[in-house]
Amino acid sequence: LAKEEILAKTELRVDQLRKAHTDAKKLLILVHDHPDPDSIASALALRVLLKRNRQTAIIGHFGEKISRPENVAMIDFLEIELENLTPEDLTDFDSIALVDVQPPFFGGALSDIKVDSVIDHHPQVSNYEVNFSEIKTEEGATSTILTKYLRAAQVDISERLATALLYGIKTDTVSLNRDANPDDVEAFTYLYPNANLGLLRRIERAEIPPAEVKCFGQALADHWISNGVFFVNLGRVKREYLIPKMADLGIQVKGVEWSVAFGILGNSHLVISVRNVGYIKSAGRLVREMFAEIGSAGGHRSAAKAVIPLSKMRKILGRASQIHIKKWLTKQFSDALKEPPEQEKR
């Protein structure tokens, strides 16, 4: 009975979602500035769920061109078109849907723009008005939510879409090892037989340019461990994806409970990627408490990210040199992690 009730509720939600966009001649499915496999797969799934095509539903993002090798391989091998947009382009669309992101993420870019739907698994950021909202923080991936919707609507999931959704769940939950729940496992199990596993392996083994291999060596030359926290400074980086890669590597070091990788992207922002072992204080909550007032910050229990303008760092430190930033971040995290875990506070 419980399963039948859940299915009926999901079917109703699908109907409500479709009605939110039913009159739109040209729909924009907008993902965050740095599209990852979960957001890309979810956007593709939403387009299929809404019975639209590349002409009537554009998948777009702000920000720079996608550069992470696996993500480039995903959109190339699965032939997914993502358009690089500016906020000024939004007036070209009659309806906007957000997947794997919420309106406040974009700052003022959406302040005068009506968003019709939001589907996300990140924590609710703040109050905002939309016709349809599905925020499921218990899910490990937005791809899981869309898989449930597709199944409830009895939509045939093609091999291409199954491969994308499987990869979305796999990457966001680190192969079901991070922030995954039974829904993620069920969606993964359902998609697995229909996915192209050979193609998935090719995507996961995407080529890394030789010039970028040097960055890993340089980064490892500037790392330190303090009270169970692995810190690594990548210095100035051209490719943001190198920062979370180093954070993932750091959490594998013996005796480490937290991993903090950071670097300066271009000449404008400090990017911080945080990982933990999963059973301690929430990484997402930690970075929001530490950095939300000076930049954008958020994430999940065991993975989080913060982006801080260098102009803010100069105001705080007087200058934004790597030495000053290293000392400041080490102290900030050391102080924040001295506080008792959440369960002890209650």
C-alpha atoms as a PDB file:
ATOM      1  CA  LEU A   1       0.000   0.000   0.000  1.00  0.00           C
ATOM      2  CA  ALA A   2       2.803   2.384   0.894  1.00  0.00           C
ATOM      3  CA  LYS A   3       4.428   1.846  -2.521  1.00  0.00           C
ATOM      4  CA  GLU A   4       1.108   2.424  -4.299  1.00  0.00           C
ATOM      5  CA  GLU A   5       0.569   5.657  -2.369  1.00  0.00           C
ATOM      6  CA  ILE A   6       4.085   6.860  -3.187  1.00  0.00           C
ATOM      7  CA  LEU A   7       3.547   6.024  -6.870  1.00  0.00           C
ATOM      8  CA  ALA A   8       0.221   7.887  -6.930  1.00  0.00           C
ATOM      9  CA  LYS A   9       1.819  10.943  -5.307  1.00  0.00           C
ATOM     10  CA  THR A  10       4.710  10.848  -7.776  1.00  0.00           C
ATOM     11  CA  GLU A  11       2.286  10.605 -10.717  1.00  0.00           C
ATOM     12  CA  LEU A  12       0.456  13.660  -9.363  1.00  0.00           C
ATOM     13  CA  ARG A  13       3.742  15.565  -9.040  1.00  0.00           C
ATOM     14  CA  VAL A  14       4.625  14.722 -12.648  1.00  0.00           C
ATOM     15  CA  ASP A  15       1.262  16.110 -13.790  1.00  0.00           C
ATOM     16  CA  GLN A  16       1.843  19.297 -11.785  1.00  0.00           C
ATOM     17  CA  LEU A  17       5.339  19.670 -13.248  1.00  0.00           C
ATOM     18  CA  ARG A  18       4.085  19.246 -16.797  1.00  0.00           C
ATOM     19  CA  LYS A  19       1.328  21.811 -16.240  1.00  0.00           C
ATOM     20  CA  ALA A  20       3.929  24.335 -15.035  1.00  0.00           C
ATOM     21  CA  HIS A  21       5.464  24.335 -18.534  1.00  0.00           C
ATOM     22  CA  THR A  22       2.566  23.249 -20.740  1.00  0.00           C
ATOM     23  CA  ASP A  23       2.053  26.583 -22.543  1.00  0.00           C
ATOM     24  CA  ALA A  24       5.726  27.322 -23.228  1.00  0.00           C
ATOM     25  CA  LYS A  25       6.814  27.376 -26.854  1.00  0.00           C
ATOM     26  CA  LYS A  26      10.468  27.710 -25.897  1.00  0.00           C
ATOM     27  CA  LEU A  27      11.638  26.274 -22.575  1.00  0.00           C
ATOM     28  CA  LEU A  28      15.007  26.778 -20.893  1.00  0.00           C
ATOM     29  CA  ILE A  29      16.286  24.028 -18.617  1.00  0.00           C
ATOM     30  CA  LEU A  30      18.947  25.860 -16.629  1.00  0.00           C
ATOM     31  CA  VAL A  31      21.686  24.114 -14.622  1.00  0.00           C
ATOM     32  CA  HIS A  32      24.373  25.644 -12.406  1.00  0.00           C
ATOM     33  CA  ASP A  33      27.438  27.458 -13.734  1.00  0.00           C
ATOM     34  CA  HIS A  34      29.685  24.378 -13.622  1.00  0.00           C
ATOM     35  CA  PRO A  35      27.499  21.550 -14.972  1.00  0.00           C
ATOM     36  CA  ASP A  36      28.336  18.112 -13.570  1.00  0.00           C
ATOM     37  CA  PRO A  37      27.025  14.689 -14.672  1.00  0.00           C
ATOM     38  CA  ASP A  38      24.080  14.798 -12.247  1.00  0.00           C
ATOM     39  CA  SER A  39      22.843  18.180 -13.468  1.00  0.00           C
ATOM     40  CA  ILE A  40      23.418  17.313 -17.142  1.00  0.00           C
ATOM     41  CA  ALA A  41      21.606  13.969 -16.849  1.00  0.00           C
ATOM     42  CA  SER A  42      18.747  15.533 -14.877  1.00  0.00           C
ATOM     43  CA  ALA A  43      18.285  18.246 -17.503  1.00  0.00           C
ATOM     44  CA  LEU A  44      18.179  15.644 -20.270  1.00  0.00           C
ATOM     45  CA  ALA A  45      15.676  13.567 -18.266  1.00  0.00           C
ATOM     46  CA  LEU A  46      13.433  16.576 -17.671  1.00  0.00           C
ATOM     47  CA  ARG A  47      13.346  17.322 -21.387  1.00  0.00           C
ATOM     48  CA  VAL A  48      12.244  13.739 -22.081  1.00  0.00           C
ATOM     49  CA  LEU A  49       9.683  13.833 -19.257  1.00  0.00           C
ATOM     50  CA  LEU A  50       8.170  17.029 -20.686  1.00  0.00           C
ATOM     51  CA  LYS A  51       8.032  15.403 -24.162  1.00  0.00           C
ATOM     52  CA  ARG A  52      10.243  18.052 -25.700  1.00  0.00           C
ATOM     53  CA  ASN A  53      13.221  18.099 -28.050  1.00  0.00           C
ATOM     54  CA  ARG A  54      16.359  20.180 -28.665  1.00  0.00           C
ATOM     55  CA  GLN A  55      14.387  22.868 -30.456  1.00  0.00           C
ATOM     56  CA  THR A  56      11.628  23.337 -27.845  1.00  0.00           C
ATOM     57  CA  ALA A  57      13.717  22.824 -24.691  1.00  0.00           C
ATOM     58  CA  ILE A  58      17.248  24.218 -24.519  1.00  0.00           C
ATOM     59  CA  ILE A  59      19.647  22.968 -21.837  1.00  0.00           C
ATOM     60  CA  GLY A  60      21.801  25.911 -20.792  1.00  0.00           C
ATOM     61  CA  HIS A  61      24.207  27.276 -18.216  1.00  0.00           C
ATOM     62  CA  PHE A  62      26.047  30.471 -17.362  1.00  0.00           C
ATOM     63  CA  GLY A  63      29.762  30.481 -16.685  1.00  0.00           C
ATOM     64  CA  GLU A  64      32.726  29.201 -18.625  1.00  0.00           C
ATOM     65  CA  LYS A  65      32.901  26.417 -21.170  1.00  0.00           C
ATOM     66  CA  ILE A  66      32.855  22.929 -19.612  1.00  0.00           C
ATOM     67  CA  SER A  67      36.434  21.720 -19.140  1.00  0.00           C
ATOM     68  CA  ARG A  68      36.481  18.729 -16.794  1.00  0.00           C
ATOM     69  CA  PRO A  69      37.496  15.797 -19.063  1.00  0.00           C
ATOM     70  CA  GLU A  70      34.799  13.382 -17.833  1.00  0.00           C
ATOM     71  CA  ASN A  71      32.065  15.977 -18.311  1.00  0.00           C
ATOM     72  CA  VAL A  72      33.329  16.887 -21.778  1.00  0.00           C
ATOM     73  CA  ALA A  73      33.395  13.176 -22.646  1.00  0.00           C
ATOM     74  CA  MET A  74      29.858  12.732 -21.321  1.00  0.00           C
ATOM     75  CA  ILE A  75      28.325  15.465 -23.471  1.00  0.00           C
ATOM     76  CA  ASP A  76      30.386  14.367 -26.494  1.00  0.00           C
ATOM     77  CA  PHE A  77      29.704  10.614 -26.325  1.00  0.00           C
ATOM     78  CA  LEU A  78      26.029  11.033 -25.384  1.00  0.00           C
ATOM     79  CA  GLU A  79      25.573  13.943 -27.826  1.00  0.00           C
ATOM     80  CA  ILE A  80      24.067  16.307 -25.273  1.00  0.00           C
ATOM     81  CA  GLU A  81      23.989  19.941 -26.340  1.00  0.00           C
ATOM     82  CA  LEU A  82      24.527  22.540 -23.619  1.00  0.00           C
ATOM     83  CA  GLU A  83      24.290  26.197 -24.552  1.00  0.00           C
ATOM     84  CA  ASN A  84      26.476  28.770 -22.843  1.00  0.00           C
ATOM     85  CA  LEU A  85      24.161  31.654 -21.957  1.00  0.00           C
ATOM     86  CA  THR A  86      24.235  35.101 -20.396  1.00  0.00           C
ATOM     87  CA  PRO A  87      21.511  36.489 -18.097  1.00  0.00           C
ATOM     88  CA  GLU A  88      20.407  38.721 -20.977  1.00  0.00           C
ATOM     89  CA  ASP A  89      19.463  35.607 -22.988  1.00  0.00           C
ATOM     90  CA  LEU A  90      16.785  34.612 -20.467  1.00  0.00           C
ATOM     91  CA  THR A  91      14.188  36.902 -22.047  1.00  0.00           C
ATOM     92  CA  ASP A  92      14.281  34.672 -25.160  1.00  0.00           C
ATOM     93  CA  PHE A  93      12.400  31.934 -23.284  1.00  0.00           C
ATOM     94  CA  ASP A  94       8.728  31.713 -22.247  1.00  0.00           C
ATOM     95  CA  SER A  95       9.424  29.321 -19.371  1.00  0.00           C
ATOM     96  CA  ILE A  96      12.402  28.380 -17.181  1.00  0.00           C
ATOM     97  CA  ALA A  97      13.082  25.184 -15.236  1.00  0.00           C
ATOM     98  CA  LEU A  98      16.002  24.764 -12.833  1.00  0.00           C
ATOM     99  CA  VAL A  99      17.529  21.345 -12.153  1.00  0.00           C
ATOM    100  CA  ASP A 100      20.138  20.505  -9.515  1.00  0.00           C
ATOM    101  CA  VAL A 101      20.197  24.168  -8.481  1.00  0.00           C
ATOM    102  CA  GLN A 102      17.938  26.815  -6.917  1.00  0.00           C
ATOM    103  CA  PRO A 103      17.317  30.479  -7.871  1.00  0.00           C
ATOM    104  CA  PRO A 104      19.421  32.099  -5.083  1.00  0.00           C
ATOM    105  CA  PHE A 105      22.528  30.369  -6.480  1.00  0.00           C
ATOM    106  CA  PHE A 106      22.502  32.819  -9.393  1.00  0.00           C
ATOM    107  CA  GLY A 107      22.524  35.933  -7.215  1.00  0.00           C
ATOM    108  CA  GLY A 108      20.668  38.768  -8.906  1.00  0.00           C
ATOM    109  CA  ALA A 109      20.696  37.187 -12.374  1.00  0.00           C
ATOM    110  CA  LEU A 110      17.183  35.767 -11.885  1.00  0.00           C
ATOM    111  CA  SER A 111      15.769  38.559  -9.711  1.00  0.00           C
ATOM    112  CA  ASP A 112      13.473  39.877 -12.462  1.00  0.00           C
ATOM    113  CA  ILE A 113      12.914  36.520 -14.153  1.00  0.00           C
ATOM    114  CA  LYS A 114      10.054  34.151 -13.352  1.00  0.00           C
ATOM    115  CA  VAL A 115      11.165  30.570 -12.727  1.00  0.00           C
ATOM    116  CA  ASP A 116       8.397  28.001 -13.209  1.00  0.00           C
ATOM    117  CA  SER A 117       9.952  24.887 -11.671  1.00  0.00           C
ATOM    118  CA  VAL A 118      12.840  23.761  -9.471  1.00  0.00           C
ATOM    119  CA  ILE A 119      13.997  20.160  -8.974  1.00  0.00           C
ATOM    120  CA  ASP A 120      16.989  19.694  -6.684  1.00  0.00           C
ATOM    121  CA  HIS A 121      18.473  17.512  -3.959  1.00  0.00           C
ATOM    122  CA  HIS A 122      20.504  20.248  -2.273  1.00  0.00           C
ATOM    123  CA  PRO A 123      19.167  21.849   0.925  1.00  0.00           C
ATOM    124  CA  GLN A 124      16.561  24.594   0.521  1.00  0.00           C
ATOM    125  CA  VAL A 125      18.568  27.807   0.212  1.00  0.00           C
ATOM    126  CA  SER A 126      15.895  30.389   1.042  1.00  0.00           C
ATOM    127  CA  ASN A 127      12.315  31.250   0.220  1.00  0.00           C
ATOM    128  CA  TYR A 128      11.524  31.920  -3.425  1.00  0.00           C
ATOM    129  CA  GLU A 129       8.372  31.702  -5.525  1.00  0.00           C
ATOM    130  CA  VAL A 130       7.945  29.075  -8.247  1.00  0.00           C
ATOM    131  CA  ASN A 131       4.936  27.237  -9.667  1.00  0.00           C
ATOM    132  CA  PHE A 132       6.478  23.838  -8.939  1.00  0.00           C
ATOM    133  CA  SER A 133       9.213  22.882  -6.479  1.00  0.00           C
ATOM    134  CA  GLU A 134      10.644  19.467  -5.615  1.00  0.00           C
ATOM    135  CA  ILE A 135      13.487  19.688  -3.104  1.00  0.00           C
ATOM    136  CA  LYS A 136      14.442  16.193  -1.915  1.00  0.00           C
ATOM    137  CA  THR A 137      17.488  16.502   0.319  1.00  0.00           C
ATOM    138  CA  GLU A 138      17.293  12.843   1.314  1.00  0.00           C
ATOM    139  CA  GLU A 139      18.225  11.788  -2.229  1.00  0.00           C
ATOM    140  CA  GLY A 140      21.882  11.449  -3.135  1.00  0.00           C
ATOM    141  CA  ALA A 141      21.365  12.812  -6.651  1.00  0.00           C
ATOM    142  CA  THR A 142      18.845  14.853  -8.611  1.00  0.00           C
ATOM    143  CA  SER A 143      19.072  12.078 -11.226  1.00  0.00           C
ATOM    144  CA  THR A 144      17.352   9.801  -8.704  1.00  0.00           C
ATOM    145  CA  ILE A 145      14.379  12.179  -8.458  1.00  0.00           C
ATOM    146  CA  LEU A 146      14.046  12.346 -12.251  1.00  0.00           C
ATOM    147  CA  THR A 147      14.357   8.558 -12.581  1.00  0.00           C
ATOM    148  CA  LYS A 148      11.434   8.167 -10.158  1.00  0.00           C
ATOM    149  CA  TYR A 149       9.422  10.695 -12.185  1.00  0.00           C
ATOM    150  CA  LEU A 150      10.137   8.925 -15.482  1.00  0.00           C
ATOM    151  CA  ARG A 151       9.142   5.557 -14.032  1.00  0.00           C
ATOM    152  CA  ALA A 152       5.945   6.936 -12.491  1.00  0.00           C
ATOM    153  CA  ALA A 153       5.010   8.497 -15.843  1.00  0.00           C
ATOM    154  CA  GLN A 154       5.808   5.191 -17.598  1.00  0.00           C
ATOM    155  CA  VAL A 155       8.236   6.904 -19.953  1.00  0.00           C
ATOM    156  CA  ASP A 156      10.570   4.616 -21.897  1.00  0.00           C
ATOM    157  CA  ILE A 157      14.124   5.385 -20.803  1.00  0.00           C
ATOM    158  CA  SER A 158      16.477   5.053 -23.761  1.00  0.00           C
ATOM    159  CA  GLU A 159      19.971   3.586 -23.491  1.00  0.00           C
ATOM    160  CA  ARG A 160      21.400   7.081 -23.879  1.00  0.00           C
ATOM    161  CA  LEU A 161      19.286   8.529 -21.058  1.00  0.00           C
ATOM    162  CA  ALA A 162      19.838   5.495 -18.812  1.00  0.00           C
ATOM    163  CA  THR A 163      23.597   5.880 -19.264  1.00  0.00           C
ATOM    164  CA  ALA A 164      23.441   9.579 -18.405  1.00  0.00           C
ATOM    165  CA  LEU A 165      21.259   9.075 -15.308  1.00  0.00           C
ATOM    166  CA  LEU A 166      23.334   6.132 -14.080  1.00  0.00           C
ATOM    167  CA  TYR A 167      26.486   8.222 -14.393  1.00  0.00           C
ATOM    168  CA  GLY A 168      24.768  11.142 -12.643  1.00  0.00           C
ATOM    169  CA  ILE A 169      23.877   8.976  -9.646  1.00  0.00           C
ATOM    170  CA  LYS A 170      27.261   7.259  -9.657  1.00  0.00           C
ATOM    171  CA  THR A 171      29.263  10.491  -9.574  1.00  0.00           C
ATOM    172  CA  ASP A 172      27.150  12.371  -7.026  1.00  0.00           C
ATOM    173  CA  THR A 173      27.073   9.419  -4.608  1.00  0.00           C
ATOM    174  CA  VAL A 174      30.617   8.183  -5.400  1.00  0.00           C
ATOM    175  CA  SER A 175      29.280   4.811  -6.562  1.00  0.00           C
ATOM    176  CA  LEU A 176      26.610   4.794  -3.813  1.00  0.00           C
ATOM    177  CA  ASN A 177      29.221   5.320  -1.083  1.00  0.00           C
ATOM    178  CA  ARG A 178      28.408   8.962  -0.251  1.00  0.00           C
ATOM    179  CA  ASP A 179      25.051  10.416   0.848  1.00  0.00           C
ATOM    180  CA  ALA A 180      23.166   7.586  -0.889  1.00  0.00           C
ATOM    181  CA  ASN A 181      19.820   6.225   0.298  1.00  0.00           C
ATOM    182  CA  PRO A 182      17.581   3.287  -0.779  1.00  0.00           C
ATOM    183  CA  ASP A 183      15.982   5.407  -3.532  1.00  0.00           C
ATOM    184  CA  ASP A 184      19.405   5.970  -5.099  1.00  0.00           C
ATOM    185  CA  VAL A 185      20.164   2.241  -4.938  1.00  0.00           C
ATOM    186  CA  GLU A 186      16.785   1.376  -6.494  1.00  0.00           C
ATOM    187  CA  ALA A 187      17.214   3.926  -9.300  1.00  0.00           C
ATOM    188  CA  PHE A 188      20.778   2.739  -9.943  1.00  0.00           C
ATOM    189  CA  THR A 189      19.630  -0.907 -10.064  1.00  0.00           C
ATOM    190  CA  TYR A 190      16.782  -0.045 -12.433  1.00  0.00           C
ATOM    191  CA  LEU A 191      18.991   1.934 -14.828  1.00  0.00           C
ATOM    192  CA  TYR A 192      22.003  -0.394 -14.813  1.00  0.00           C
ATOM    193  CA  PRO A 193      20.697  -3.101 -17.219  1.00  0.00           C
ATOM    194  CA  ASN A 194      19.604  -0.460 -19.742  1.00  0.00           C
ATOM    195  CA  ALA A 195      22.805   1.623 -19.718  1.00  0.00           C
ATOM    196  CA  ASN A 196      25.707   1.347 -22.142  1.00  0.00           C
ATOM    197  CA  LEU A 197      28.399   0.256 -19.690  1.00  0.00           C
ATOM    198  CA  GLY A 198      31.140   0.231 -22.307  1.00  0.00           C
ATOM    199  CA  LEU A 199      30.428   3.856 -23.141  1.00  0.00           C
ATOM    200  CA  LEU A 200      30.266   4.680 -19.436  1.00  0.00           C
ATOM    201  CA  ARG A 201      33.769   3.269 -18.951  1.00  0.00           C
ATOM    202  CA  ARG A 202      35.038   5.443 -21.810  1.00  0.00           C
ATOM    203  CA  ILE A 203      33.483   8.519 -20.185  1.00  0.00           C
ATOM    204  CA  GLU A 204      35.022   7.716 -16.799  1.00  0.00           C
ATOM    205  CA  ARG A 205      38.456   7.194 -18.354  1.00  0.00           C
ATOM    206  CA  ALA A 206      38.450  10.496 -20.185  1.00  0.00           C
ATOM    207  CA  GLU A 207      41.839  11.790 -21.252  1.00  0.00           C
ATOM    208  CA  ILE A 208      43.602  14.399 -19.114  1.00  0.00           C
ATOM    209  CA  PRO A 209      45.791  16.872 -21.040  1.00  0.00           C
ATOM    210  CA  PRO A 210      49.507  16.299 -20.224  1.00  0.00           C
ATOM    211  CA  ALA A 211      49.922  19.935 -19.147  1.00  0.00           C
ATOM    212  CA  GLU A 212      47.366  19.406 -16.389  1.00  0.00           C
ATOM    213  CA  VAL A 213      49.156  16.366 -14.955  1.00  0.00           C
ATOM    214  CA  LYS A 214      51.841  18.787 -13.743  1.00  0.00           C
ATOM    215  CA  CYS A 215      49.228  20.515 -11.584  1.00  0.00           C
ATOM    216  CA  PHE A 216      48.800  17.367  -9.505  1.00  0.00           C
ATOM    217  CA  GLY A 217      52.520  17.178  -8.795  1.00  0.00           C
ATOM    218  CA  GLN A 218      52.677  20.851  -7.885  1.00  0.00           C
ATOM    219  CA  ALA A 219      49.646  20.498  -5.631  1.00  0.00           C
ATOM    220  CA  LEU A 220      51.000  17.520  -3.733  1.00  0.00           C
ATOM    221  CA  ALA A 221      54.196  19.466  -3.141  1.00  0.00           C
ATOM    222  CA  ASP A 222      52.150  21.983  -1.133  1.00  0.00           C
ATOM    223  CA  HIS A 223      50.026  19.926   1.236  1.00  0.00           C
ATOM    224  CA  TRP A 224      49.913  19.541   5.016  1.00  0.00           C
ATOM    225  CA  ILE A 225      47.882  17.717   7.660  1.00  0.00           C
ATOM    226  CA  SER A 226      46.669  19.471  10.794  1.00  0.00           C
ATOM    227  CA  ASN A 227      44.496  17.746  13.437  1.00  0.00           C
ATOM    228  CA  GLY A 228      43.126  15.192  10.998  1.00  0.00           C
ATOM    229  CA  VAL A 229      42.524  17.750   8.241  1.00  0.00           C
ATOM    230  CA  PHE A 230      44.348  17.314   4.928  1.00  0.00           C
ATOM    231  CA  PHE A 231      45.014  20.682   3.280  1.00  0.00           C
ATOM    232  CA  VAL A 232      46.293  21.106  -0.268  1.00  0.00           C
ATOM    233  CA  ASN A 233      46.987  24.392  -2.042  1.00  0.00           C
ATOM    234  CA  LEU A 234      46.809  24.259  -5.830  1.00  0.00           C
ATOM    235  CA  GLY A 235      47.857  27.882  -6.220  1.00  0.00           C
ATOM    236  CA  ARG A 236      46.559  29.483  -9.409  1.00  0.00           C
ATOM    237  CA  VAL A 237      44.555  27.088 -11.577  1.00  0.00           C
ATOM    238  CA  LYS A 238      43.020  27.389 -15.036  1.00  0.00           C
ATOM    239  CA  ARG A 239      40.706  24.379 -14.594  1.00  0.00           C
ATOM    240  CA  GLU A 240      38.437  24.379 -11.561  1.00  0.00           C
ATOM    241  CA  TYR A 241      37.819  20.611 -11.673  1.00  0.00           C
ATOM    242  CA  LEU A 242      41.381  20.000 -10.452  1.00  0.00           C
ATOM    243  CA  ILE A 243      40.412  21.352  -7.018  1.00  0.00           C
ATOM    244  CA  PRO A 244      37.685  18.786  -6.158  1.00  0.00           C
ATOM    245  CA  LYS A 245      39.869  16.037  -7.639  1.00  0.00           C
ATOM    246  CA  MET A 246      42.567  16.866  -5.094  1.00  0.00           C
ATOM    247  CA  ALA A 247      39.981  17.029  -2.299  1.00  0.00           C
ATOM    248  CA  ASP A 248      38.844  13.519  -3.258  1.00  0.00           C
ATOM    249  CA  LEU A 249      42.441  12.324  -3.167  1.00  0.00           C
ATOM    250  CA  GLY A 250      43.092  13.932   0.219  1.00  0.00           C
ATOM    251  CA  ILE A 251      40.237  12.150   1.991  1.00  0.00           C
ATOM    252  CA  GLN A 252      41.866   8.812   1.116  1.00  0.00           C
ATOM    253  CA  VAL A 253      44.965   9.599   3.191  1.00  0.00           C
ATOM    254  CA  LYS A 254      45.241   7.409   6.292  1.00  0.00           C
ATOM    255  CA  GLY A 255      44.079   9.096   9.497  1.00  0.00           C
ATOM    256  CA  VAL A 256      42.384  11.989   7.694  1.00  0.00           C
ATOM    257  CA  GLU A 257      38.756  12.885   8.524  1.00  0.00           C
ATOM    258  CA  TRP A 258      38.536  16.096   6.485  1.00  0.00           C
ATOM    259  CA  SER A 259      40.094  17.160   3.192  1.00  0.00           C
ATOM    260  CA  VAL A 260      40.303  20.802   2.097  1.00  0.00           C
ATOM    261  CA  ALA A 261      41.618  21.634  -1.377  1.00  0.00           C
ATOM    262  CA  PHE A 262      41.742  25.205  -2.595  1.00  0.00           C
ATOM    263  CA  GLY A 263      43.066  27.308  -5.415  1.00  0.00           C
ATOM    264  CA  ILE A 264      42.720  30.667  -7.109  1.00  0.00           C
ATOM    265  CA  LEU A 265      40.704  30.463 -10.304  1.00  0.00           C
ATOM    266  CA  GLY A 266      41.897  33.015 -12.832  1.00  0.00           C
ATOM    267  CA  ASN A 267      42.443  36.306 -11.047  1.00  0.00           C
ATOM    268  CA  SER A 268      39.034  36.630  -9.469  1.00  0.00           C
ATOM    269  CA  HIS A 269      37.979  33.874  -7.055  1.00  0.00           C
ATOM    270  CA  LEU A 270      39.197  31.556  -4.332  1.00  0.00           C
ATOM    271  CA  VAL A 271      37.603  28.125  -4.785  1.00  0.00           C
ATOM    272  CA  ILE A 272      37.492  25.739  -1.812  1.00  0.00           C
ATOM    273  CA  SER A 273      36.479  22.083  -2.094  1.00  0.00           C
ATOM    274  CA  VAL A 274      35.758  20.135   1.105  1.00  0.00           C
ATOM    275  CA  ARG A 275      35.313  16.402   1.761  1.00  0.00           C
ATOM    276  CA  ASN A 276      34.864  14.390   4.943  1.00  0.00           C
ATOM    277  CA  VAL A 277      34.415  10.754   5.947  1.00  0.00           C
ATOM    278  CA  GLY A 278      30.640  11.162   6.167  1.00  0.00           C
ATOM    279  CA  TYR A 279      29.721  10.379   9.763  1.00  0.00           C
ATOM    280  CA  ILE A 280      30.819  13.650  11.360  1.00  0.00           C
ATOM    281  CA  LYS A 281      29.680  17.260  11.037  1.00  0.00           C
ATOM    282  CA  SER A 282      27.987  18.096   7.737  1.00  0.00           C
ATOM    283  CA  ALA A 283      30.455  19.556   5.237  1.00  0.00           C
ATOM    284  CA  GLY A 284      27.703  21.588   3.561  1.00  0.00           C
ATOM    285  CA  ARG A 285      26.590  23.134   6.833  1.00  0.00           C
ATOM    286  CA  LEU A 286      30.184  23.820   7.843  1.00  0.00           C
ATOM    287  CA  VAL A 287      31.068  25.794   4.702  1.00  0.00           C
ATOM    288  CA  ARG A 288      27.806  27.737   4.866  1.00  0.00           C
ATOM    289  CA  GLU A 289      28.549  28.741   8.468  1.00  0.00           C
ATOM    290  CA  MET A 290      32.104  29.705   7.542  1.00  0.00           C
ATOM    291  CA  PHE A 291      31.772  31.395   4.161  1.00  0.00           C
ATOM    292  CA  ALA A 292      28.138  32.203   3.247  1.00  0.00           C
ATOM    293  CA  GLU A 293      28.526  35.857   4.268  1.00  0.00           C
ATOM    294  CA  ILE A 294      31.529  36.445   2.019  1.00  0.00           C
ATOM    295  CA  GLY A 295      30.789  34.180  -0.961  1.00  0.00           C
ATOM    296  CA  SER A 296      28.659  31.307  -2.204  1.00  0.00           C
ATOM    297  CA  ALA A 297      28.850  28.131  -0.122  1.00  0.00           C
ATOM    298  CA  GLY A 298      26.963  24.868   0.250  1.00  0.00           C
ATOM    299  CA  GLY A 299      26.897  21.143  -0.330  1.00  0.00           C
ATOM    300  CA  HIS A 300      26.031  17.857   1.326  1.00  0.00           C
ATOM    301  CA  ARG A 301      27.036  15.971   4.460  1.00  0.00           C
ATOM    302  CA  SER A 302      30.324  14.704   3.053  1.00  0.00           C
ATOM    303  CA  ALA A 303      31.072  17.067   0.153  1.00  0.00           C
ATOM    304  CA  ALA A 304      30.896  20.847  -0.143  1.00  0.00           C
ATOM    305  CA  LYS A 305      32.234  23.861  -1.976  1.00  0.00           C
ATOM    306  CA  ALA A 306      32.759  27.560  -1.400  1.00  0.00           C
ATOM    307  CA  VAL A 307      33.632  30.306  -3.884  1.00  0.00           C
ATOM    308  CA  ILE A 308      34.906  33.609  -2.497  1.00  0.00           C
ATOM    309  CA  PRO A 309      35.771  36.706  -4.570  1.00  0.00           C
ATOM    310  CA  LEU A 310      39.412  37.713  -4.115  1.00  0.00           C
ATOM    311  CA  SER A 311      38.192  41.248  -3.467  1.00  0.00           C
ATOM    312  CA  LYS A 312      36.546  39.941  -0.274  1.00  0.00           C
ATOM    313  CA  MET A 313      39.742  38.141   0.702  1.00  0.00           C
ATOM    314  CA  ARG A 314      41.710  41.374   0.321  1.00  0.00           C
ATOM    315  CA  LYS A 315      39.276  43.159   2.630  1.00  0.00           C
ATOM    316  CA  ILE A 316      39.652  40.421   5.250  1.00  0.00           C
ATOM    317  CA  LEU A 317      43.411  39.824   5.007  1.00  0.00           C
ATOM    318  CA  GLY A 318      44.716  43.087   3.600  1.00  0.00           C
ATOM    319  CA  ARG A 319      46.070  41.150   0.639  1.00  0.00           C
ATOM    320  CA  ALA A 320      45.189  37.903  -1.143  1.00  0.00           C
ATOM    321  CA  SER A 321      48.593  36.233  -1.382  1.00  0.00           C
ATOM    322  CA  GLN A 322      48.770  32.435  -1.234  1.00  0.00           C
ATOM    323  CA  ILE A 323      50.705  32.532   2.052  1.00  0.00           C
ATOM    324  CA  HIS A 324      48.040  34.689   3.717  1.00  0.00           C
ATOM    325  CA  ILE A 325      45.212  32.535   2.352  1.00  0.00           C
ATOM    326  CA  LYS A 326      46.909  29.307   3.509  1.00  0.00           C
ATOM    327  CA  LYS A 327      47.340  30.568   7.063  1.00  0.00           C
ATOM    328  CA  TRP A 328      43.820  31.974   7.172  1.00  0.00           C
ATOM    329  CA  LEU A 329      42.122  28.818   5.871  1.00  0.00           C
ATOM    330  CA  THR A 330      44.105  26.551   8.191  1.00  0.00           C
ATOM    331  CA  LYS A 331      43.016  28.623  11.191  1.00  0.00           C
ATOM    332  CA  GLN A 332      39.408  28.955   9.987  1.00  0.00           C
ATOM    333  CA  PHE A 333      38.951  25.209   9.604  1.00  0.00           C
ATOM    334  CA  SER A 334      40.875  24.354  12.768  1.00  0.00           C
ATOM    335  CA  ASP A 335      38.652  26.702  14.795  1.00  0.00           C
ATOM    336  CA  ALA A 336      35.417  25.549  13.135  1.00  0.00           C
ATOM    337  CA  LEU A 337      36.181  21.868  13.644  1.00  0.00           C
ATOM    338  CA  LYS A 338      37.009  22.338  17.326  1.00  0.00           C
ATOM    339  CA  GLU A 339      33.296  22.882  17.932  1.00  0.00           C
ATOM    340  CA  PRO A 340      31.377  19.774  19.077  1.00  0.00           C
ATOM    341  CA  PRO A 341      29.640  17.717  16.364  1.00  0.00           C
ATOM    342  CA  GLU A 342      25.958  18.374  15.651  1.00  0.00           C
ATOM    343  CA  GLN A 343      24.687  15.451  17.733  1.00  0.00           C
ATOM    344  CA  GLU A 344      26.602  16.732  20.772  1.00  0.00           C
ATOM    345  CA  LYS A 345      25.040  20.204  20.410  1.00  0.00           C
ATOM    346  CA  ARG A 346      21.488  18.850  20.596  1.00  0.00           C
END
